[in-house]
Every structure is written in C-alpha cells, then in structure tokens.
Amino acid sequence: MLSNVIVAALLIFAARVLSIAISTVRTVLMTRGNKILSSVLGFFEALLFALTIAQVVQNLDNTWNLMAYSAGFAGGVLLGLALEERLAMGYATVNIVSTHKAREVAEEVRKEGFGATEIWGQGSEGEVGLVRTVVPRRQVRRVSDLVNDVDPSSFITIEDTLAVRRGYLGLMPTRS
C-alpha cells in the first residue's frame, strides 16, 4: 500500500516537473514571438497539468501527492530555466563602455565576425567609447571574454534582443 502511494507521488512529481519546465520554455518562446512552437508546448503543458491535478484532487488528504505536486512545481521552474539557458535561443545586444580602448574592442569584435557599432560620448570622467554588437545568445560569453581580453576595465551590459530586422550580424561564428 505505502509503495503504491510513493510511486503515485513520484509520478505526480515527475509530471509536474515536466509540465512546469515546458511552461517556462514556452513562456520564453512566446516573448520571442515563436507562436507555433509555443502553441505545441502549450498543448503538452495543459495535458500534463490536467493529468496531475486530477490525481491530486481525487485524494486531497494525501500529503504525499500534495507535496509531490508542490515540489514538482519548484523543480520544474529550475529545470525550465536551466533548459532555456542551455538552448540560448535568440539574440542579445552587448554594450561595452571603454574609456581607452573602444576602437580596439570594436576591431577585435569585428575580427571575430560580429558587427560592431562605435559611439563616442562623455562619461563621468571624460570621453568614453561605446561599442554595441548584436550576437546570438550562444555567443555572449565569447564576446564578453573577447572584450575582457582587450580591455579588462570595460563596463559590459547585456540586453535581451526580442527581434532583429536587417543589419550586419556577420557570419555565424563556428568557434565556441
């Protein structure tokens, strides 16, 4: 009897983890405009939700099921965020502020096959260069490392880029 209760709770936990992981990835895809894949994932998310909630509601005094359902939610959030980070879909804008080496940073970024726009401005301590580049999210670490090699004192910010229309993205670099 106890083994059946534990197996049922484990199944609820696993289904809930999967459901919430799907939900997390689906939400990110929706914000990036991927309608078809978001819809397909939404179908499976709803199916898993219906199956798991039905098991929990049938026996609300079963603490194992309630705990498994709740723990599955938490685990699913963690798994979904890890999956989304690993998939690294879409683009990011990397902004680099350099007080002395902006031109060298831009040249190095271009040498690696990315586009780079240089803008000159006034910072709190004088003239600064701002280099902006739009890169596949998978390449953000690579660009950041490259910038740090050229100017370790540079200030780097990374913004999620929802859409890209025209412009120079360069050839997709093959090195990782």
N, C-alpha and C. Protein backbone atom coordinates (compact mmCIF):
# COMPACT_ATOMS: atom_id res chain seq x y z
N MET A 1 0.82 -1.20 0.00
CA MET A 1 0.00 0.00 0.00
C MET A 1 0.86 1.26 0.00
N LEU A 2 1.83 1.34 0.94
CA LEU A 2 2.69 2.51 1.02
C LEU A 2 3.51 2.68 -0.25
N SER A 3 3.96 1.55 -0.83
CA SER A 3 4.75 1.66 -2.06
C SER A 3 3.91 2.22 -3.21
N ASN A 4 2.64 1.89 -3.27
CA ASN A 4 1.76 2.45 -4.31
C ASN A 4 1.59 3.96 -4.13
N VAL A 5 1.47 4.38 -2.89
CA VAL A 5 1.33 5.81 -2.59
C VAL A 5 2.59 6.56 -3.01
N ILE A 6 3.74 6.01 -2.71
CA ILE A 6 5.01 6.66 -3.06
C ILE A 6 5.22 6.68 -4.56
N VAL A 7 4.91 5.60 -5.24
CA VAL A 7 5.04 5.56 -6.71
C VAL A 7 4.12 6.60 -7.34
N ALA A 8 2.89 6.71 -6.86
CA ALA A 8 1.95 7.71 -7.40
C ALA A 8 2.48 9.12 -7.17
N ALA A 9 3.03 9.35 -5.97
CA ALA A 9 3.59 10.68 -5.68
C ALA A 9 4.78 10.98 -6.58
N LEU A 10 5.62 9.99 -6.82
CA LEU A 10 6.77 10.20 -7.71
C LEU A 10 6.32 10.50 -9.15
N LEU A 11 5.28 9.83 -9.59
CA LEU A 11 4.75 10.10 -10.93
C LEU A 11 4.18 11.52 -11.01
N ILE A 12 3.47 11.93 -9.97
CA ILE A 12 2.94 13.31 -9.93
C ILE A 12 4.09 14.30 -9.95
N PHE A 13 5.12 14.03 -9.15
CA PHE A 13 6.29 14.91 -9.11
C PHE A 13 6.93 15.03 -10.49
N ALA A 14 7.18 13.90 -11.14
CA ALA A 14 7.84 13.89 -12.45
C ALA A 14 7.00 14.62 -13.51
N ALA A 15 5.70 14.35 -13.51
CA ALA A 15 4.82 15.00 -14.48
C ALA A 15 4.77 16.51 -14.24
N ARG A 16 4.76 16.91 -12.98
CA ARG A 16 4.71 18.34 -12.66
C ARG A 16 6.01 19.03 -13.04
N VAL A 17 7.14 18.39 -12.77
CA VAL A 17 8.44 18.96 -13.18
C VAL A 17 8.44 19.18 -14.68
N LEU A 18 8.02 18.17 -15.43
CA LEU A 18 7.99 18.28 -16.89
C LEU A 18 7.03 19.37 -17.34
N SER A 19 5.86 19.42 -16.74
CA SER A 19 4.85 20.42 -17.11
C SER A 19 5.35 21.84 -16.89
N ILE A 20 5.96 22.09 -15.75
CA ILE A 20 6.43 23.44 -15.45
C ILE A 20 7.67 23.79 -16.26
N ALA A 21 8.53 22.82 -16.52
CA ALA A 21 9.68 23.07 -17.39
C ALA A 21 9.21 23.47 -18.78
N ILE A 22 8.22 22.77 -19.29
CA ILE A 22 7.63 23.11 -20.59
C ILE A 22 7.03 24.51 -20.53
N SER A 23 6.33 24.82 -19.45
CA SER A 23 5.70 26.12 -19.29
C SER A 23 6.73 27.25 -19.32
N THR A 24 7.85 27.04 -18.64
CA THR A 24 8.90 28.06 -18.58
C THR A 24 9.49 28.31 -19.97
N VAL A 25 9.82 27.24 -20.67
CA VAL A 25 10.38 27.38 -22.01
C VAL A 25 9.34 27.99 -22.95
N ARG A 26 8.09 27.56 -22.84
CA ARG A 26 7.02 28.11 -23.68
C ARG A 26 6.86 29.61 -23.48
N THR A 27 6.92 30.05 -22.24
CA THR A 27 6.78 31.47 -21.95
C THR A 27 7.90 32.27 -22.60
N VAL A 28 9.11 31.78 -22.51
CA VAL A 28 10.25 32.48 -23.13
C VAL A 28 10.07 32.51 -24.65
N LEU A 29 9.65 31.39 -25.22
CA LEU A 29 9.44 31.34 -26.67
C LEU A 29 8.34 32.32 -27.10
N MET A 30 7.28 32.41 -26.29
CA MET A 30 6.19 33.34 -26.60
C MET A 30 6.69 34.78 -26.63
N THR A 31 7.51 35.14 -25.65
CA THR A 31 8.01 36.52 -25.61
C THR A 31 8.94 36.81 -26.77
N ARG A 32 9.49 35.77 -27.36
CA ARG A 32 10.37 35.94 -28.52
C ARG A 32 9.61 35.79 -29.84
N GLY A 33 8.29 35.62 -29.76
CA GLY A 33 7.47 35.59 -30.96
C GLY A 33 7.36 34.26 -31.66
N ASN A 34 7.78 33.18 -31.03
CA ASN A 34 7.72 31.86 -31.65
C ASN A 34 6.34 31.25 -31.37
N LYS A 35 5.37 31.57 -32.22
CA LYS A 35 3.96 31.22 -31.99
C LYS A 35 3.68 29.73 -32.12
N ILE A 36 4.20 29.11 -33.16
CA ILE A 36 3.88 27.70 -33.43
C ILE A 36 4.43 26.78 -32.33
N LEU A 37 5.71 26.89 -32.05
CA LEU A 37 6.30 26.03 -31.03
C LEU A 37 5.69 26.32 -29.66
N SER A 38 5.37 27.58 -29.38
CA SER A 38 4.71 27.93 -28.11
C SER A 38 3.36 27.23 -27.99
N SER A 39 2.63 27.19 -29.08
CA SER A 39 1.32 26.53 -29.08
C SER A 39 1.44 25.03 -28.86
N VAL A 40 2.39 24.41 -29.51
CA VAL A 40 2.60 22.96 -29.36
C VAL A 40 2.99 22.64 -27.91
N LEU A 41 3.91 23.43 -27.37
CA LEU A 41 4.31 23.19 -25.98
C LEU A 41 3.15 23.45 -25.03
N GLY A 42 2.32 24.45 -25.34
CA GLY A 42 1.15 24.74 -24.52
C GLY A 42 0.19 23.56 -24.45
N PHE A 43 0.02 22.85 -25.55
CA PHE A 43 -0.83 21.67 -25.58
C PHE A 43 -0.34 20.63 -24.57
N PHE A 44 0.97 20.33 -24.62
CA PHE A 44 1.52 19.31 -23.73
C PHE A 44 1.54 19.79 -22.27
N GLU A 45 1.76 21.06 -22.08
CA GLU A 45 1.70 21.63 -20.73
C GLU A 45 0.31 21.44 -20.13
N ALA A 46 -0.72 21.77 -20.89
CA ALA A 46 -2.11 21.64 -20.41
C ALA A 46 -2.47 20.18 -20.16
N LEU A 47 -2.03 19.30 -21.04
CA LEU A 47 -2.31 17.87 -20.87
C LEU A 47 -1.69 17.35 -19.57
N LEU A 48 -0.43 17.67 -19.36
CA LEU A 48 0.24 17.21 -18.13
C LEU A 48 -0.41 17.82 -16.89
N PHE A 49 -0.79 19.09 -16.97
CA PHE A 49 -1.45 19.73 -15.84
C PHE A 49 -2.75 19.00 -15.50
N ALA A 50 -3.56 18.72 -16.53
CA ALA A 50 -4.85 18.06 -16.30
C ALA A 50 -4.66 16.68 -15.67
N LEU A 51 -3.68 15.95 -16.15
CA LEU A 51 -3.43 14.61 -15.61
C LEU A 51 -2.96 14.66 -14.16
N THR A 52 -2.06 15.60 -13.85
CA THR A 52 -1.52 15.65 -12.49
C THR A 52 -2.54 16.22 -11.50
N ILE A 53 -3.24 17.28 -11.88
CA ILE A 53 -4.19 17.88 -10.94
C ILE A 53 -5.34 16.91 -10.65
N ALA A 54 -5.70 16.11 -11.64
CA ALA A 54 -6.77 15.11 -11.42
C ALA A 54 -6.36 14.12 -10.34
N GLN A 55 -5.10 13.70 -10.37
CA GLN A 55 -4.62 12.75 -9.36
C GLN A 55 -4.58 13.38 -7.97
N VAL A 56 -4.20 14.63 -7.90
CA VAL A 56 -4.12 15.31 -6.60
C VAL A 56 -5.51 15.57 -6.03
N VAL A 57 -6.43 16.05 -6.86
CA VAL A 57 -7.77 16.42 -6.40
C VAL A 57 -8.58 15.19 -5.98
N GLN A 58 -8.34 14.06 -6.59
CA GLN A 58 -9.07 12.84 -6.22
C GLN A 58 -8.86 12.46 -4.75
N ASN A 59 -7.74 12.90 -4.19
CA ASN A 59 -7.43 12.50 -2.82
C ASN A 59 -6.68 13.63 -2.13
N LEU A 60 -7.40 14.70 -1.78
CA LEU A 60 -6.77 15.89 -1.21
C LEU A 60 -6.16 15.66 0.17
N ASP A 61 -6.53 14.61 0.85
CA ASP A 61 -5.94 14.36 2.16
C ASP A 61 -4.64 13.54 2.07
N ASN A 62 -4.21 13.24 0.85
CA ASN A 62 -2.95 12.51 0.65
C ASN A 62 -1.80 13.52 0.63
N THR A 63 -1.09 13.61 1.73
CA THR A 63 0.01 14.57 1.87
C THR A 63 1.13 14.31 0.86
N TRP A 64 1.37 13.05 0.57
CA TRP A 64 2.42 12.71 -0.40
C TRP A 64 2.14 13.34 -1.77
N ASN A 65 0.91 13.24 -2.22
CA ASN A 65 0.55 13.82 -3.52
C ASN A 65 0.67 15.34 -3.52
N LEU A 66 0.20 15.96 -2.44
CA LEU A 66 0.29 17.42 -2.34
C LEU A 66 1.74 17.89 -2.33
N MET A 67 2.57 17.21 -1.57
CA MET A 67 3.99 17.56 -1.51
C MET A 67 4.67 17.33 -2.86
N ALA A 68 4.35 16.22 -3.49
CA ALA A 68 4.93 15.92 -4.81
C ALA A 68 4.52 16.96 -5.83
N TYR A 69 3.26 17.37 -5.81
CA TYR A 69 2.75 18.38 -6.74
C TYR A 69 3.49 19.70 -6.54
N SER A 70 3.63 20.12 -5.29
CA SER A 70 4.29 21.39 -4.99
C SER A 70 5.79 21.33 -5.28
N ALA A 71 6.43 20.25 -4.88
CA ALA A 71 7.86 20.10 -5.15
C ALA A 71 8.12 19.99 -6.65
N GLY A 72 7.20 19.37 -7.36
CA GLY A 72 7.33 19.28 -8.82
C GLY A 72 7.29 20.65 -9.48
N PHE A 73 6.47 21.54 -8.92
CA PHE A 73 6.41 22.91 -9.45
C PHE A 73 7.77 23.59 -9.30
N ALA A 74 8.33 23.51 -8.10
CA ALA A 74 9.63 24.14 -7.83
C ALA A 74 10.73 23.53 -8.70
N GLY A 75 10.74 22.21 -8.78
CA GLY A 75 11.73 21.54 -9.62
C GLY A 75 11.57 21.88 -11.09
N GLY A 76 10.33 22.02 -11.52
CA GLY A 76 10.07 22.36 -12.92
C GLY A 76 10.55 23.75 -13.29
N VAL A 77 10.42 24.69 -12.37
CA VAL A 77 10.94 26.05 -12.61
C VAL A 77 12.44 25.99 -12.80
N LEU A 78 13.13 25.30 -11.90
CA LEU A 78 14.59 25.18 -12.02
C LEU A 78 15.00 24.50 -13.33
N LEU A 79 14.34 23.41 -13.66
CA LEU A 79 14.66 22.69 -14.89
C LEU A 79 14.35 23.54 -16.12
N GLY A 80 13.21 24.22 -16.13
CA GLY A 80 12.84 25.05 -17.27
C GLY A 80 13.83 26.18 -17.50
N LEU A 81 14.26 26.83 -16.43
CA LEU A 81 15.24 27.91 -16.56
C LEU A 81 16.59 27.38 -17.04
N ALA A 82 16.98 26.21 -16.54
CA ALA A 82 18.24 25.62 -16.99
C ALA A 82 18.16 25.24 -18.47
N LEU A 83 17.03 24.69 -18.90
CA LEU A 83 16.85 24.34 -20.31
C LEU A 83 16.89 25.57 -21.20
N GLU A 84 16.18 26.61 -20.79
CA GLU A 84 16.13 27.84 -21.59
C GLU A 84 17.53 28.45 -21.70
N GLU A 85 18.27 28.44 -20.61
CA GLU A 85 19.63 28.98 -20.64
C GLU A 85 20.52 28.15 -21.56
N ARG A 86 20.34 26.84 -21.51
CA ARG A 86 21.15 25.94 -22.34
C ARG A 86 20.79 26.09 -23.83
N LEU A 87 19.51 26.25 -24.13
CA LEU A 87 19.09 26.42 -25.52
C LEU A 87 19.58 27.75 -26.08
N ALA A 88 19.62 28.78 -25.25
CA ALA A 88 20.12 30.11 -25.61
C ALA A 88 19.61 30.55 -26.98
N MET A 89 18.30 30.55 -27.15
CA MET A 89 17.71 30.94 -28.42
C MET A 89 17.65 32.46 -28.54
N GLY A 90 17.70 32.93 -29.74
CA GLY A 90 17.54 34.36 -29.97
C GLY A 90 18.85 35.12 -29.95
N TYR A 91 18.72 36.43 -29.76
CA TYR A 91 19.86 37.34 -29.84
C TYR A 91 19.96 38.17 -28.58
N ALA A 92 21.15 38.72 -28.37
CA ALA A 92 21.39 39.64 -27.27
C ALA A 92 22.19 40.82 -27.81
N THR A 93 21.99 41.97 -27.21
CA THR A 93 22.80 43.14 -27.53
C THR A 93 23.81 43.31 -26.42
N VAL A 94 25.07 43.34 -26.79
CA VAL A 94 26.15 43.53 -25.83
C VAL A 94 26.64 44.97 -25.97
N ASN A 95 26.58 45.71 -24.87
CA ASN A 95 27.04 47.09 -24.82
C ASN A 95 28.34 47.14 -24.03
N ILE A 96 29.36 47.69 -24.63
CA ILE A 96 30.67 47.77 -23.98
C ILE A 96 31.05 49.24 -23.88
N VAL A 97 31.32 49.72 -22.67
CA VAL A 97 31.81 51.08 -22.47
C VAL A 97 33.28 50.96 -22.09
N SER A 98 34.12 51.62 -22.87
CA SER A 98 35.56 51.58 -22.63
C SER A 98 36.11 53.00 -22.62
N THR A 99 36.90 53.29 -21.60
CA THR A 99 37.44 54.64 -21.50
C THR A 99 38.65 54.86 -22.41
N HIS A 100 39.39 53.80 -22.73
CA HIS A 100 40.62 53.99 -23.50
C HIS A 100 40.77 53.07 -24.71
N LYS A 101 39.98 52.00 -24.79
CA LYS A 101 40.25 51.01 -25.83
C LYS A 101 39.01 50.63 -26.65
N ALA A 102 38.08 51.54 -26.79
CA ALA A 102 36.85 51.21 -27.52
C ALA A 102 37.13 50.83 -28.96
N ARG A 103 38.00 51.55 -29.61
CA ARG A 103 38.31 51.24 -31.02
C ARG A 103 38.92 49.85 -31.14
N GLU A 104 39.84 49.50 -30.25
CA GLU A 104 40.47 48.17 -30.27
C GLU A 104 39.43 47.09 -29.99
N VAL A 105 38.52 47.36 -29.05
CA VAL A 105 37.45 46.41 -28.75
C VAL A 105 36.61 46.17 -30.00
N ALA A 106 36.19 47.25 -30.66
CA ALA A 106 35.35 47.13 -31.86
C ALA A 106 36.08 46.36 -32.95
N GLU A 107 37.37 46.64 -33.14
CA GLU A 107 38.14 45.93 -34.18
C GLU A 107 38.23 44.44 -33.87
N GLU A 108 38.44 44.11 -32.60
CA GLU A 108 38.54 42.70 -32.21
C GLU A 108 37.20 41.98 -32.39
N VAL A 109 36.11 42.66 -32.03
CA VAL A 109 34.77 42.09 -32.20
C VAL A 109 34.52 41.83 -33.69
N ARG A 110 34.87 42.78 -34.53
CA ARG A 110 34.70 42.61 -35.99
C ARG A 110 35.58 41.49 -36.53
N LYS A 111 36.81 41.40 -36.01
CA LYS A 111 37.73 40.36 -36.46
C LYS A 111 37.15 38.96 -36.21
N GLU A 112 36.35 38.85 -35.16
CA GLU A 112 35.73 37.57 -34.83
C GLU A 112 34.45 37.31 -35.64
N GLY A 113 34.10 38.23 -36.52
CA GLY A 113 32.96 38.00 -37.41
C GLY A 113 31.65 38.64 -36.99
N PHE A 114 31.67 39.43 -35.93
CA PHE A 114 30.46 40.11 -35.46
C PHE A 114 30.45 41.55 -35.96
N GLY A 115 29.27 42.12 -36.04
CA GLY A 115 29.16 43.54 -36.35
C GLY A 115 29.42 44.34 -35.08
N ALA A 116 29.91 45.54 -35.23
CA ALA A 116 30.15 46.39 -34.06
C ALA A 116 29.92 47.84 -34.45
N THR A 117 29.16 48.55 -33.65
CA THR A 117 28.92 49.97 -33.86
C THR A 117 29.63 50.74 -32.76
N GLU A 118 30.42 51.73 -33.16
CA GLU A 118 31.14 52.56 -32.20
C GLU A 118 30.42 53.89 -32.04
N ILE A 119 30.25 54.31 -30.80
CA ILE A 119 29.63 55.59 -30.50
C ILE A 119 30.53 56.27 -29.47
N TRP A 120 30.73 57.56 -29.62
CA TRP A 120 31.59 58.29 -28.69
C TRP A 120 30.73 59.20 -27.84
N GLY A 121 31.07 59.27 -26.56
CA GLY A 121 30.28 60.09 -25.67
C GLY A 121 31.09 60.57 -24.48
N GLN A 122 30.39 61.22 -23.60
CA GLN A 122 31.02 61.79 -22.41
C GLN A 122 30.59 60.99 -21.19
N GLY A 123 31.54 60.45 -20.47
CA GLY A 123 31.27 59.74 -19.23
C GLY A 123 31.55 60.64 -18.04
N SER A 124 31.47 60.11 -16.85
CA SER A 124 31.69 60.92 -15.65
C SER A 124 33.12 61.42 -15.53
N GLU A 125 34.05 60.72 -16.17
CA GLU A 125 35.46 61.12 -16.07
C GLU A 125 36.07 61.46 -17.43
N GLY A 126 35.25 61.82 -18.39
CA GLY A 126 35.78 62.20 -19.70
C GLY A 126 35.17 61.38 -20.82
N GLU A 127 35.86 61.45 -21.97
CA GLU A 127 35.36 60.77 -23.16
C GLU A 127 35.42 59.25 -23.01
N VAL A 128 34.35 58.60 -23.49
CA VAL A 128 34.29 57.14 -23.49
C VAL A 128 33.81 56.67 -24.85
N GLY A 129 34.13 55.43 -25.14
CA GLY A 129 33.62 54.82 -26.35
C GLY A 129 32.62 53.74 -25.98
N LEU A 130 31.52 53.70 -26.72
CA LEU A 130 30.52 52.66 -26.53
C LEU A 130 30.53 51.80 -27.78
N VAL A 131 30.69 50.51 -27.59
CA VAL A 131 30.65 49.56 -28.70
C VAL A 131 29.41 48.71 -28.46
N ARG A 132 28.56 48.63 -29.49
CA ARG A 132 27.34 47.82 -29.42
C ARG A 132 27.43 46.73 -30.48
N THR A 133 27.05 45.54 -30.08
CA THR A 133 27.02 44.44 -31.03
C THR A 133 25.83 43.54 -30.71
N VAL A 134 25.17 43.05 -31.74
CA VAL A 134 24.07 42.11 -31.59
C VAL A 134 24.60 40.74 -31.99
N VAL A 135 24.46 39.79 -31.08
CA VAL A 135 25.03 38.47 -31.31
C VAL A 135 24.02 37.39 -30.92
N PRO A 136 24.16 36.19 -31.48
CA PRO A 136 23.34 35.09 -30.98
C PRO A 136 23.62 34.90 -29.49
N ARG A 137 22.59 34.61 -28.72
CA ARG A 137 22.79 34.47 -27.26
C ARG A 137 23.86 33.45 -26.91
N ARG A 138 24.04 32.46 -27.76
CA ARG A 138 25.08 31.45 -27.51
C ARG A 138 26.48 32.07 -27.53
N GLN A 139 26.62 33.22 -28.16
CA GLN A 139 27.94 33.82 -28.33
C GLN A 139 28.24 34.92 -27.31
N VAL A 140 27.31 35.21 -26.40
CA VAL A 140 27.50 36.31 -25.45
C VAL A 140 28.75 36.11 -24.60
N ARG A 141 28.94 34.93 -24.07
CA ARG A 141 30.13 34.68 -23.23
C ARG A 141 31.40 34.88 -24.04
N ARG A 142 31.38 34.39 -25.26
CA ARG A 142 32.55 34.52 -26.13
C ARG A 142 32.90 35.98 -26.36
N VAL A 143 31.89 36.80 -26.66
CA VAL A 143 32.12 38.22 -26.88
C VAL A 143 32.61 38.89 -25.60
N SER A 144 32.00 38.55 -24.48
CA SER A 144 32.42 39.13 -23.19
C SER A 144 33.87 38.78 -22.88
N ASP A 145 34.25 37.53 -23.11
CA ASP A 145 35.64 37.11 -22.88
C ASP A 145 36.59 37.86 -23.80
N LEU A 146 36.19 38.01 -25.04
CA LEU A 146 37.00 38.74 -26.01
C LEU A 146 37.22 40.19 -25.57
N VAL A 147 36.15 40.83 -25.14
CA VAL A 147 36.24 42.21 -24.66
C VAL A 147 37.14 42.29 -23.43
N ASN A 148 36.99 41.37 -22.51
CA ASN A 148 37.83 41.37 -21.31
C ASN A 148 39.30 41.18 -21.63
N ASP A 149 39.59 40.42 -22.68
CA ASP A 149 40.99 40.25 -23.10
C ASP A 149 41.56 41.57 -23.60
N VAL A 150 40.77 42.35 -24.31
CA VAL A 150 41.24 43.63 -24.87
C VAL A 150 41.24 44.73 -23.81
N ASP A 151 40.18 44.81 -23.03
CA ASP A 151 40.05 45.88 -22.03
C ASP A 151 39.36 45.33 -20.78
N PRO A 152 40.16 44.81 -19.84
CA PRO A 152 39.58 44.22 -18.63
C PRO A 152 38.81 45.23 -17.76
N SER A 153 39.03 46.52 -17.96
CA SER A 153 38.33 47.52 -17.15
C SER A 153 37.04 48.02 -17.82
N SER A 154 36.69 47.44 -18.95
CA SER A 154 35.48 47.89 -19.65
C SER A 154 34.23 47.54 -18.84
N PHE A 155 33.17 48.31 -19.10
CA PHE A 155 31.87 48.10 -18.46
C PHE A 155 30.98 47.43 -19.49
N ILE A 156 30.46 46.26 -19.17
CA ILE A 156 29.68 45.48 -20.15
C ILE A 156 28.27 45.28 -19.60
N THR A 157 27.28 45.57 -20.45
CA THR A 157 25.90 45.22 -20.13
C THR A 157 25.35 44.36 -21.26
N ILE A 158 24.43 43.48 -20.92
CA ILE A 158 23.85 42.58 -21.92
C ILE A 158 22.34 42.70 -21.84
N GLU A 159 21.73 42.95 -22.98
CA GLU A 159 20.28 43.11 -23.06
C GLU A 159 19.69 42.02 -23.94
N ASP A 160 18.55 41.51 -23.54
CA ASP A 160 17.82 40.57 -24.38
C ASP A 160 17.31 41.32 -25.59
N THR A 161 17.49 40.78 -26.77
CA THR A 161 17.02 41.40 -28.00
C THR A 161 15.87 40.57 -28.54
N LEU A 162 14.69 41.16 -28.57
CA LEU A 162 13.50 40.40 -28.95
C LEU A 162 13.40 40.13 -30.44
N ALA A 163 13.84 41.07 -31.25
CA ALA A 163 13.74 40.88 -32.69
C ALA A 163 14.91 41.56 -33.38
N VAL A 164 15.29 41.02 -34.52
CA VAL A 164 16.35 41.60 -35.32
C VAL A 164 15.82 41.76 -36.74
N ARG A 165 15.90 42.97 -37.26
CA ARG A 165 15.45 43.26 -38.62
C ARG A 165 16.57 43.98 -39.36
N ARG A 166 17.13 43.34 -40.30
CA ARG A 166 18.21 43.92 -41.09
C ARG A 166 19.46 44.19 -40.25
N GLY A 167 20.48 44.69 -40.91
CA GLY A 167 21.73 45.00 -40.22
C GLY A 167 22.75 43.92 -40.46
N TYR A 168 23.91 44.10 -39.90
CA TYR A 168 25.00 43.15 -40.08
C TYR A 168 25.13 42.26 -38.87
N LEU A 169 24.88 41.00 -39.05
CA LEU A 169 25.08 40.03 -38.00
C LEU A 169 26.32 39.21 -38.26
N GLY A 170 26.92 39.39 -39.42
CA GLY A 170 28.12 38.63 -39.75
C GLY A 170 27.79 37.18 -40.01
N LEU A 171 28.81 36.46 -40.35
CA LEU A 171 28.66 35.02 -40.50
C LEU A 171 28.57 34.43 -39.11
N MET A 172 27.76 33.42 -38.95
CA MET A 172 27.65 32.80 -37.64
C MET A 172 29.02 32.17 -37.31
N PRO A 173 29.68 32.67 -36.30
CA PRO A 173 30.99 32.13 -35.95
C PRO A 173 30.87 30.66 -35.55
N THR A 174 31.86 29.89 -35.93
CA THR A 174 31.81 28.46 -35.67
C THR A 174 32.58 28.05 -34.42
N ARG A 175 33.55 28.86 -34.01
CA ARG A 175 34.30 28.53 -32.80
C ARG A 175 33.45 28.81 -31.58
N SER A 176 33.67 28.04 -30.51
CA SER A 176 32.90 28.29 -29.28
C SER A 176 33.75 28.74 -28.15
